Amino acid sequence: MRRSLLTLTFVSLTSMFTLAQAPATGDVPADRQDLRQDRRDVRKDQRDINHDRRDLNHDRADRNQDQRDINHDRRDINKDRVERNQDLKNGNAAAAKAEQRDINHDKHDLNHDRVDRNRDQRDINHDKRDLNHDRADRHQDRKDIRHDKRDLRRDRKGR
């Protein structure tokens, strides 16, 4: 009984001594805190990359839709020109005038779609640049994490 009491006392004193030396819960050494921050930065960069990819895909879809609209407007203009020329040939000036209004309207739509397509192309180029820069930043952050881990291991061995 006495022997088990001494063993229990010794174990509890050892545990208390170990707990006194251990950092309190939530306390993290500064270099580990930096490592955590670097990992957060990498995750944030990955979210930015994913956002840029989605934005790039949306811009590509918009550009392709604008190109389809441009092709449709060109077909409409050619069709209206044929009809206008047929009306002029038949001597129907009022119908030819109405077809000319349609042609002008389609030309306006065509120019508007061209401006949209060019804007989307600029956005695509801008998003590609952002994507490449974000990838480079993420690569550098990962490199920093590897170096920080290596330094942590070396510090632990040195102690």
C-alpha atoms as a PDB file:
ATOM      1  CA  MET A   1       0.000   0.000   0.000  1.00  0.00           C
ATOM      2  CA  ARG A   2       2.763   2.377   0.995  1.00  0.00           C
ATOM      3  CA  ARG A   3       4.758   1.455  -2.089  1.00  0.00           C
ATOM      4  CA  SER A   4       1.782   2.090  -4.416  1.00  0.00           C
ATOM      5  CA  LEU A   5       1.124   5.397  -2.671  1.00  0.00           C
ATOM      6  CA  LEU A   6       4.740   6.467  -3.264  1.00  0.00           C
ATOM      7  CA  THR A   7       4.519   5.404  -6.903  1.00  0.00           C
ATOM      8  CA  LEU A   8       1.285   7.329  -7.339  1.00  0.00           C
ATOM      9  CA  THR A   9       2.799  10.415  -5.715  1.00  0.00           C
ATOM     10  CA  PHE A  10       5.906  10.144  -7.899  1.00  0.00           C
ATOM     11  CA  VAL A  11       3.833   9.783 -11.092  1.00  0.00           C
ATOM     12  CA  SER A  12       1.605  12.726 -10.197  1.00  0.00           C
ATOM     13  CA  LEU A  13       4.628  14.932  -9.386  1.00  0.00           C
ATOM     14  CA  THR A  14       6.262  13.967 -12.659  1.00  0.00           C
ATOM     15  CA  SER A  15       3.045  14.770 -14.533  1.00  0.00           C
ATOM     16  CA  MET A  16       2.767  18.154 -12.841  1.00  0.00           C
ATOM     17  CA  PHE A  17       6.395  18.936 -13.673  1.00  0.00           C
ATOM     18  CA  THR A  18       5.841  17.990 -17.303  1.00  0.00           C
ATOM     19  CA  LEU A  19       2.660  20.065 -17.495  1.00  0.00           C
ATOM     20  CA  ALA A  20       4.448  23.050 -15.968  1.00  0.00           C
ATOM     21  CA  GLN A  21       7.066  22.940 -18.723  1.00  0.00           C
ATOM     22  CA  ALA A  22       4.616  22.403 -21.574  1.00  0.00           C
ATOM     23  CA  PRO A  23       3.212  25.522 -23.198  1.00  0.00           C
ATOM     24  CA  ALA A  24      -0.378  26.352 -22.352  1.00  0.00           C
ATOM     25  CA  THR A  25      -3.026  25.200 -24.780  1.00  0.00           C
ATOM     26  CA  GLY A  26      -3.348  27.724 -27.577  1.00  0.00           C
ATOM     27  CA  ASP A  27       0.212  29.020 -27.192  1.00  0.00           C
ATOM     28  CA  VAL A  28       2.116  28.295 -30.379  1.00  0.00           C
ATOM     29  CA  PRO A  29       5.750  29.147 -30.996  1.00  0.00           C
ATOM     30  CA  ALA A  30       6.261  32.088 -33.322  1.00  0.00           C
ATOM     31  CA  ASP A  31       7.857  30.047 -36.108  1.00  0.00           C
ATOM     32  CA  ARG A  32       4.927  27.619 -36.082  1.00  0.00           C
ATOM     33  CA  GLN A  33       2.553  30.588 -36.161  1.00  0.00           C
ATOM     34  CA  ASP A  34       4.380  31.838 -39.264  1.00  0.00           C
ATOM     35  CA  LEU A  35       4.016  28.405 -40.826  1.00  0.00           C
ATOM     36  CA  ARG A  36       0.277  28.431 -40.146  1.00  0.00           C
ATOM     37  CA  GLN A  37      -0.006  31.891 -41.669  1.00  0.00           C
ATOM     38  CA  ASP A  38       1.891  30.709 -44.750  1.00  0.00           C
ATOM     39  CA  ARG A  39      -0.526  27.797 -45.117  1.00  0.00           C
ATOM     40  CA  ARG A  40      -3.465  30.186 -44.822  1.00  0.00           C
ATOM     41  CA  ASP A  41      -1.892  32.326 -47.525  1.00  0.00           C
ATOM     42  CA  VAL A  42      -1.572  29.306 -49.798  1.00  0.00           C
ATOM     43  CA  ARG A  43      -5.237  28.402 -49.242  1.00  0.00           C
ATOM     44  CA  LYS A  44      -6.268  32.001 -49.943  1.00  0.00           C
ATOM     45  CA  ASP A  45      -4.180  32.012 -53.120  1.00  0.00           C
ATOM     46  CA  GLN A  46      -5.839  28.765 -54.198  1.00  0.00           C
ATOM     47  CA  ARG A  47      -9.278  30.307 -53.661  1.00  0.00           C
ATOM     48  CA  ASP A  48      -8.191  33.315 -55.736  1.00  0.00           C
ATOM     49  CA  ILE A  49      -6.964  31.023 -58.491  1.00  0.00           C
ATOM     50  CA  ASN A  50     -10.254  29.115 -58.509  1.00  0.00           C
ATOM     51  CA  HIS A  51     -12.172  32.407 -58.657  1.00  0.00           C
ATOM     52  CA  ASP A  52     -10.018  33.606 -61.560  1.00  0.00           C
ATOM     53  CA  ARG A  53     -10.585  30.315 -63.388  1.00  0.00           C
ATOM     54  CA  ARG A  54     -14.346  30.621 -62.993  1.00  0.00           C
ATOM     55  CA  ASP A  55     -14.197  34.246 -64.131  1.00  0.00           C
ATOM     56  CA  LEU A  56     -12.076  33.224 -67.111  1.00  0.00           C
ATOM     57  CA  ASN A  57     -14.575  30.545 -68.109  1.00  0.00           C
ATOM     58  CA  HIS A  58     -17.491  32.992 -67.804  1.00  0.00           C
ATOM     59  CA  ASP A  59     -15.659  35.525 -69.977  1.00  0.00           C
ATOM     60  CA  ARG A  60     -14.915  32.855 -72.582  1.00  0.00           C
ATOM     61  CA  ALA A  61     -18.575  31.818 -72.657  1.00  0.00           C
ATOM     62  CA  ASP A  62     -19.631  35.475 -73.029  1.00  0.00           C
ATOM     63  CA  ARG A  63     -17.126  36.005 -75.833  1.00  0.00           C
ATOM     64  CA  ASN A  64     -18.329  32.894 -77.660  1.00  0.00           C
ATOM     65  CA  GLN A  65     -21.966  33.982 -77.292  1.00  0.00           C
ATOM     66  CA  ASP A  66     -21.075  37.430 -78.648  1.00  0.00           C
ATOM     67  CA  GLN A  67     -19.348  35.772 -81.623  1.00  0.00           C
ATOM     68  CA  ARG A  68     -22.495  33.716 -82.293  1.00  0.00           C
ATOM     69  CA  ASP A  69     -24.551  36.928 -82.122  1.00  0.00           C
ATOM     70  CA  ILE A  70     -22.171  38.620 -84.554  1.00  0.00           C
ATOM     71  CA  ASN A  71     -22.506  35.755 -87.026  1.00  0.00           C
ATOM     72  CA  HIS A  72     -26.297  35.839 -86.657  1.00  0.00           C
ATOM     73  CA  ASP A  73     -26.409  39.606 -87.240  1.00  0.00           C
ATOM     74  CA  ARG A  74     -24.234  39.246 -90.359  1.00  0.00           C
ATOM     75  CA  ARG A  75     -26.614  36.622 -91.749  1.00  0.00           C
ATOM     76  CA  ASP A  76     -29.586  38.897 -90.988  1.00  0.00           C
ATOM     77  CA  ILE A  77     -27.906  41.856 -92.700  1.00  0.00           C
ATOM     78  CA  ASN A  78     -27.158  39.808 -95.823  1.00  0.00           C
ATOM     79  CA  LYS A  79     -30.703  38.431 -95.887  1.00  0.00           C
ATOM     80  CA  ASP A  80     -32.188  41.943 -95.470  1.00  0.00           C
ATOM     81  CA  ARG A  81     -29.933  43.306 -98.243  1.00  0.00           C
ATOM     82  CA  VAL A  82     -31.165  40.648-100.620  1.00  0.00           C
ATOM     83  CA  GLU A  83     -34.776  41.460 -99.722  1.00  0.00           C
ATOM     84  CA  ARG A  84     -34.146  45.222-100.047  1.00  0.00           C
ATOM     85  CA  ASN A  85     -32.563  44.774-103.475  1.00  0.00           C
ATOM     86  CA  GLN A  86     -35.500  42.590-104.531  1.00  0.00           C
ATOM     87  CA  ASP A  87     -37.948  45.278-103.329  1.00  0.00           C
ATOM     88  CA  LEU A  88     -36.046  48.005-105.192  1.00  0.00           C
ATOM     89  CA  LYS A  89     -35.981  45.850-108.311  1.00  0.00           C
ATOM     90  CA  ASN A  90     -39.770  45.378-108.050  1.00  0.00           C
ATOM     91  CA  GLY A  91     -40.264  49.128-107.497  1.00  0.00           C
ATOM     92  CA  ASN A  92     -41.554  48.767-103.887  1.00  0.00           C
ATOM     93  CA  ALA A  93     -39.816  51.728-102.241  1.00  0.00           C
ATOM     94  CA  ALA A  94     -41.716  51.533 -98.939  1.00  0.00           C
ATOM     95  CA  ALA A  95     -40.738  47.881 -98.384  1.00  0.00           C
ATOM     96  CA  ALA A  96     -37.135  48.706 -99.383  1.00  0.00           C
ATOM     97  CA  LYS A  97     -37.101  51.526 -96.825  1.00  0.00           C
ATOM     98  CA  ALA A  98     -38.365  49.132 -94.117  1.00  0.00           C
ATOM     99  CA  GLU A  99     -35.658  46.624 -95.040  1.00  0.00           C
ATOM    100  CA  GLN A 100     -33.049  49.396 -94.845  1.00  0.00           C
ATOM    101  CA  ARG A 101     -34.252  50.193 -91.307  1.00  0.00           C
ATOM    102  CA  ASP A 102     -33.819  46.515 -90.435  1.00  0.00           C
ATOM    103  CA  ILE A 103     -30.311  46.575 -91.918  1.00  0.00           C
ATOM    104  CA  ASN A 104     -29.386  49.657 -89.874  1.00  0.00           C
ATOM    105  CA  HIS A 105     -30.790  48.056 -86.717  1.00  0.00           C
ATOM    106  CA  ASP A 106     -28.815  44.855 -87.339  1.00  0.00           C
ATOM    107  CA  LYS A 107     -25.644  46.893 -88.009  1.00  0.00           C
ATOM    108  CA  HIS A 108     -26.119  48.657 -84.672  1.00  0.00           C
ATOM    109  CA  ASP A 109     -26.500  45.273 -82.949  1.00  0.00           C
ATOM    110  CA  LEU A 110     -23.454  43.992 -84.806  1.00  0.00           C
ATOM    111  CA  ASN A 111     -21.287  46.882 -83.588  1.00  0.00           C
ATOM    112  CA  HIS A 112     -22.575  46.467 -80.043  1.00  0.00           C
ATOM    113  CA  ASP A 113     -21.734  42.737 -80.119  1.00  0.00           C
ATOM    114  CA  ARG A 114     -18.250  43.495 -81.455  1.00  0.00           C
ATOM    115  CA  VAL A 115     -17.614  45.897 -78.571  1.00  0.00           C
ATOM    116  CA  ASP A 116     -18.826  43.258 -76.097  1.00  0.00           C
ATOM    117  CA  ARG A 117     -16.658  40.592 -77.685  1.00  0.00           C
ATOM    118  CA  ASN A 118     -13.577  42.823 -77.558  1.00  0.00           C
ATOM    119  CA  ARG A 119     -14.270  43.720 -73.920  1.00  0.00           C
ATOM    120  CA  ASP A 120     -14.603  40.037 -73.054  1.00  0.00           C
ATOM    121  CA  GLN A 121     -11.329  39.310 -74.847  1.00  0.00           C
ATOM    122  CA  ARG A 122      -9.594  42.015 -72.771  1.00  0.00           C
ATOM    123  CA  ASP A 123     -11.086  40.483 -69.624  1.00  0.00           C
ATOM    124  CA  ILE A 124      -9.833  37.053 -70.680  1.00  0.00           C
ATOM    125  CA  ASN A 125      -6.311  38.393 -71.195  1.00  0.00           C
ATOM    126  CA  HIS A 126      -6.418  40.195 -67.844  1.00  0.00           C
ATOM    127  CA  ASP A 127      -7.682  37.086 -66.029  1.00  0.00           C
ATOM    128  CA  LYS A 128      -4.962  34.964 -67.625  1.00  0.00           C
ATOM    129  CA  ARG A 129      -2.330  37.388 -66.345  1.00  0.00           C
ATOM    130  CA  ASP A 130      -3.879  37.314 -62.863  1.00  0.00           C
ATOM    131  CA  LEU A 131      -3.999  33.544 -62.932  1.00  0.00           C
ATOM    132  CA  ASN A 132      -0.328  33.274 -63.829  1.00  0.00           C
ATOM    133  CA  HIS A 133       0.691  35.805 -61.166  1.00  0.00           C
ATOM    134  CA  ASP A 134      -1.384  33.995 -58.528  1.00  0.00           C
ATOM    135  CA  ARG A 135       0.233  30.715 -59.493  1.00  0.00           C
ATOM    136  CA  ALA A 136       3.680  32.249 -59.066  1.00  0.00           C
ATOM    137  CA  ASP A 137       2.712  33.669 -55.661  1.00  0.00           C
ATOM    138  CA  ARG A 138       1.316  30.330 -54.548  1.00  0.00           C
ATOM    139  CA  HIS A 139       4.473  28.570 -55.712  1.00  0.00           C
ATOM    140  CA  GLN A 140       6.602  30.995 -53.705  1.00  0.00           C
ATOM    141  CA  ASP A 141       4.398  30.532 -50.616  1.00  0.00           C
ATOM    142  CA  ARG A 142       4.754  26.767 -50.852  1.00  0.00           C
ATOM    143  CA  LYS A 143       8.471  27.157 -51.177  1.00  0.00           C
ATOM    144  CA  ASP A 144       8.482  29.338 -48.042  1.00  0.00           C
ATOM    145  CA  ILE A 145       6.513  26.678 -46.169  1.00  0.00           C
ATOM    146  CA  ARG A 146       9.032  23.992 -47.125  1.00  0.00           C
ATOM    147  CA  HIS A 147      11.908  26.178 -45.950  1.00  0.00           C
ATOM    148  CA  ASP A 148      10.120  27.027 -42.700  1.00  0.00           C
ATOM    149  CA  LYS A 149       9.475  23.345 -41.993  1.00  0.00           C
ATOM    150  CA  ARG A 150      13.104  22.541 -42.675  1.00  0.00           C
ATOM    151  CA  ASP A 151      14.234  25.307 -40.346  1.00  0.00           C
ATOM    152  CA  LEU A 152      11.871  24.043 -37.626  1.00  0.00           C
ATOM    153  CA  ARG A 153      13.291  20.526 -37.900  1.00  0.00           C
ATOM    154  CA  ARG A 154      16.853  21.862 -37.728  1.00  0.00           C
ATOM    155  CA  ASP A 155      16.025  23.961 -34.679  1.00  0.00           C
ATOM    156  CA  ARG A 156      14.524  20.966 -32.900  1.00  0.00           C
ATOM    157  CA  LYS A 157      17.581  18.827 -33.630  1.00  0.00           C
ATOM    158  CA  GLY A 158      19.866  21.614 -32.442  1.00  0.00           C
ATOM    159  CA  ARG A 159      18.195  21.824 -29.030  1.00  0.00           C
END
